């Protein structure tokens, strides 16, 4: 489910006529915009409880309108498309910078150690020698 409304995208995209661009075609562009937002923000479950939600809706609406207008004469809309793309980029950066999700800042650390296996014989013989690998591969 997309966050923005098709009517809002249509209005922002210079009131593109239904005969020129159907609601289903606009919905595809909305889904593409949503996918872009999910990819960049690494968050796929935006909802109205999020403080950034209304901002995300505006970003998606604008980006979907850009995608719709790209189907038309690019030279005619080149200036506004460039401006809106930059605004979308800046807005998403603002959202990412404002997020306080601590898990986004945690680096992933991989620690390797020598493999050591304890044979079942340890249960019966406490002096049994565990197997230790001599090579480590990651």
Foldseek 3Di string as FASTA:
>chain_A
DFLEALVLLCVVLVNDDCVRANSVNLVVLLVVLLVVLCVLLVDNDDDPVDPCSVVSRVLSSLSSSLVVNVVDDCVVCVVVSVVSVVVSVVSSVVVNVPDPPVVVVDDDDDDWDWDWADDPCCVVPVPDDIDTDPDTDD
